[in-house]
Amino acid sequence: MAIKGNSGETQRLVKAIVVLIRNTTWRCGALERAIVKHLHKKGTDFGKRGVPLNEMLQNFQVMKGKKRNEFLDAIRRLERRNIIRILKLGSP
């Protein structure tokens, strides 16, 4: 996690692909809704199935600081609720 200096997990998370499983935003916050909307928009019209997390960080302009941690927490909450799936790339 990105909390309390565990940067190894965060570095592995940034090298990941996010895949939308369900297009639902029931009981989600504004950031989660924006993430799901972004993934749905990328997946429509024969778009690519998954979106690299690094690309999403750049599109949402949250590359550093507190906003980045909030964004990564929102991604983890969506994964916990089985709305998205995070496919980690590279070594485990």
C-alpha atoms as a PDB file:
ATOM      1  CA  MET A   1       0.000   0.000   0.000  1.00  0.00           C
ATOM      2  CA  ALA A   2       1.032   3.584  -0.416  1.00  0.00           C
ATOM      3  CA  ILE A   3       0.609   4.299   3.279  1.00  0.00           C
ATOM      4  CA  LYS A   4       3.572   4.553   5.681  1.00  0.00           C
ATOM      5  CA  GLY A   5       6.405   4.192   3.190  1.00  0.00           C
ATOM      6  CA  ASN A   6       5.733   0.813   1.618  1.00  0.00           C
ATOM      7  CA  SER A   7       6.868   2.032  -1.795  1.00  0.00           C
ATOM      8  CA  GLY A   8       7.582  -1.454  -3.179  1.00  0.00           C
ATOM      9  CA  GLU A   9       3.865  -2.247  -3.369  1.00  0.00           C
ATOM     10  CA  THR A  10       3.145   1.146  -4.927  1.00  0.00           C
ATOM     11  CA  GLN A  11       5.872   0.703  -7.538  1.00  0.00           C
ATOM     12  CA  ARG A  12       4.452  -2.705  -8.503  1.00  0.00           C
ATOM     13  CA  LEU A  13       0.959  -1.254  -8.623  1.00  0.00           C
ATOM     14  CA  VAL A  14       2.009   1.505 -11.012  1.00  0.00           C
ATOM     15  CA  LYS A  15       3.319  -1.154 -13.415  1.00  0.00           C
ATOM     16  CA  ALA A  16      -0.141  -2.677 -13.811  1.00  0.00           C
ATOM     17  CA  ILE A  17      -3.093  -2.790 -16.165  1.00  0.00           C
ATOM     18  CA  VAL A  18      -6.602  -1.967 -14.959  1.00  0.00           C
ATOM     19  CA  VAL A  19      -9.523  -3.846 -16.517  1.00  0.00           C
ATOM     20  CA  LEU A  20     -13.166  -2.876 -16.058  1.00  0.00           C
ATOM     21  CA  ILE A  21     -15.318  -5.837 -14.984  1.00  0.00           C
ATOM     22  CA  ARG A  22     -18.632  -4.125 -14.224  1.00  0.00           C
ATOM     23  CA  ASN A  23     -19.836  -0.715 -15.326  1.00  0.00           C
ATOM     24  CA  THR A  24     -21.525   0.244 -12.068  1.00  0.00           C
ATOM     25  CA  THR A  25     -20.951   3.181  -9.763  1.00  0.00           C
ATOM     26  CA  TRP A  26     -23.522   2.410  -7.102  1.00  0.00           C
ATOM     27  CA  ARG A  27     -22.332   3.741  -3.720  1.00  0.00           C
ATOM     28  CA  CYS A  28     -19.116   5.121  -5.205  1.00  0.00           C
ATOM     29  CA  GLY A  29     -17.515   8.483  -4.607  1.00  0.00           C
ATOM     30  CA  ALA A  30     -16.750  11.073  -7.236  1.00  0.00           C
ATOM     31  CA  LEU A  31     -13.230   9.781  -7.895  1.00  0.00           C
ATOM     32  CA  GLU A  32     -14.388   6.174  -8.248  1.00  0.00           C
ATOM     33  CA  ARG A  33     -17.119   7.294 -10.673  1.00  0.00           C
ATOM     34  CA  ALA A  34     -14.554   9.178 -12.748  1.00  0.00           C
ATOM     35  CA  ILE A  35     -12.280   6.106 -12.873  1.00  0.00           C
ATOM     36  CA  VAL A  36     -15.108   3.799 -13.978  1.00  0.00           C
ATOM     37  CA  LYS A  37     -16.276   6.341 -16.564  1.00  0.00           C
ATOM     38  CA  HIS A  38     -12.733   6.640 -17.926  1.00  0.00           C
ATOM     39  CA  LEU A  39     -12.328   2.859 -18.178  1.00  0.00           C
ATOM     40  CA  HIS A  40     -15.738   2.475 -19.823  1.00  0.00           C
ATOM     41  CA  LYS A  41     -14.938   5.195 -22.358  1.00  0.00           C
ATOM     42  CA  LYS A  42     -11.621   3.517 -23.220  1.00  0.00           C
ATOM     43  CA  GLY A  43     -13.297   0.107 -23.611  1.00  0.00           C
ATOM     44  CA  THR A  44     -16.141   1.144 -25.898  1.00  0.00           C
ATOM     45  CA  ASP A  45     -16.026   1.072 -29.694  1.00  0.00           C
ATOM     46  CA  PHE A  46     -13.539  -1.799 -29.839  1.00  0.00           C
ATOM     47  CA  GLY A  47     -11.037   0.017 -27.687  1.00  0.00           C
ATOM     48  CA  LYS A  48      -8.358  -1.723 -25.727  1.00  0.00           C
ATOM     49  CA  ARG A  49      -9.617  -3.944 -22.933  1.00  0.00           C
ATOM     50  CA  GLY A  50      -7.231  -2.766 -20.236  1.00  0.00           C
ATOM     51  CA  VAL A  51      -5.683   0.591 -19.476  1.00  0.00           C
ATOM     52  CA  PRO A  52      -2.194   0.930 -17.958  1.00  0.00           C
ATOM     53  CA  LEU A  53      -2.362   2.461 -14.501  1.00  0.00           C
ATOM     54  CA  ASN A  54       0.510   4.799 -15.335  1.00  0.00           C
ATOM     55  CA  GLU A  55      -1.534   6.207 -18.243  1.00  0.00           C
ATOM     56  CA  MET A  56      -4.495   6.741 -15.912  1.00  0.00           C
ATOM     57  CA  LEU A  57      -2.258   8.591 -13.429  1.00  0.00           C
ATOM     58  CA  GLN A  58      -1.182  10.922 -16.230  1.00  0.00           C
ATOM     59  CA  ASN A  59      -4.732  11.457 -17.527  1.00  0.00           C
ATOM     60  CA  PHE A  60      -6.041  12.285 -14.059  1.00  0.00           C
ATOM     61  CA  GLN A  61      -2.918  14.430 -13.432  1.00  0.00           C
ATOM     62  CA  VAL A  62      -2.104  12.814 -10.080  1.00  0.00           C
ATOM     63  CA  MET A  63       1.535  11.858 -10.509  1.00  0.00           C
ATOM     64  CA  LYS A  64       2.756  12.975  -7.061  1.00  0.00           C
ATOM     65  CA  GLY A  65       1.682  13.605  -3.521  1.00  0.00           C
ATOM     66  CA  LYS A  66      -1.543  13.196  -1.638  1.00  0.00           C
ATOM     67  CA  LYS A  67      -3.776  13.111  -4.721  1.00  0.00           C
ATOM     68  CA  ARG A  68      -1.818  10.148  -6.078  1.00  0.00           C
ATOM     69  CA  ASN A  69      -2.347   8.238  -2.831  1.00  0.00           C
ATOM     70  CA  GLU A  70      -6.076   9.055  -2.911  1.00  0.00           C
ATOM     71  CA  PHE A  71      -6.245   7.847  -6.508  1.00  0.00           C
ATOM     72  CA  LEU A  72      -4.476   4.571  -5.718  1.00  0.00           C
ATOM     73  CA  ASP A  73      -6.746   4.045  -2.695  1.00  0.00           C
ATOM     74  CA  ALA A  74      -9.785   4.561  -4.938  1.00  0.00           C
ATOM     75  CA  ILE A  75      -8.390   1.982  -7.386  1.00  0.00           C
ATOM     76  CA  ARG A  76      -7.953  -0.502  -4.520  1.00  0.00           C
ATOM     77  CA  ARG A  77     -11.507   0.135  -3.264  1.00  0.00           C
ATOM     78  CA  LEU A  78     -12.888  -0.542  -6.744  1.00  0.00           C
ATOM     79  CA  GLU A  79     -10.878  -3.758  -6.934  1.00  0.00           C
ATOM     80  CA  ARG A  80     -12.144  -4.848  -3.520  1.00  0.00           C
ATOM     81  CA  ARG A  81     -15.736  -4.300  -4.711  1.00  0.00           C
ATOM     82  CA  ASN A  82     -15.048  -6.395  -7.865  1.00  0.00           C
ATOM     83  CA  ILE A  83     -15.728  -3.507 -10.231  1.00  0.00           C
ATOM     84  CA  ILE A  84     -12.221  -3.518 -11.714  1.00  0.00           C
ATOM     85  CA  ARG A  85      -9.349  -5.996 -11.814  1.00  0.00           C
ATOM     86  CA  ILE A  86      -5.699  -5.034 -11.486  1.00  0.00           C
ATOM     87  CA  LEU A  87      -3.340  -7.173 -13.551  1.00  0.00           C
ATOM     88  CA  LYS A  88       0.180  -6.741 -12.227  1.00  0.00           C
ATOM     89  CA  LEU A  89       2.990  -6.848 -14.751  1.00  0.00           C
ATOM     90  CA  GLY A  90       6.534  -7.975 -14.190  1.00  0.00           C
ATOM     91  CA  SER A  91       7.897 -10.012 -11.299  1.00  0.00           C
ATOM     92  CA  PRO A  92       5.569 -10.787  -8.358  1.00  0.00           C
END
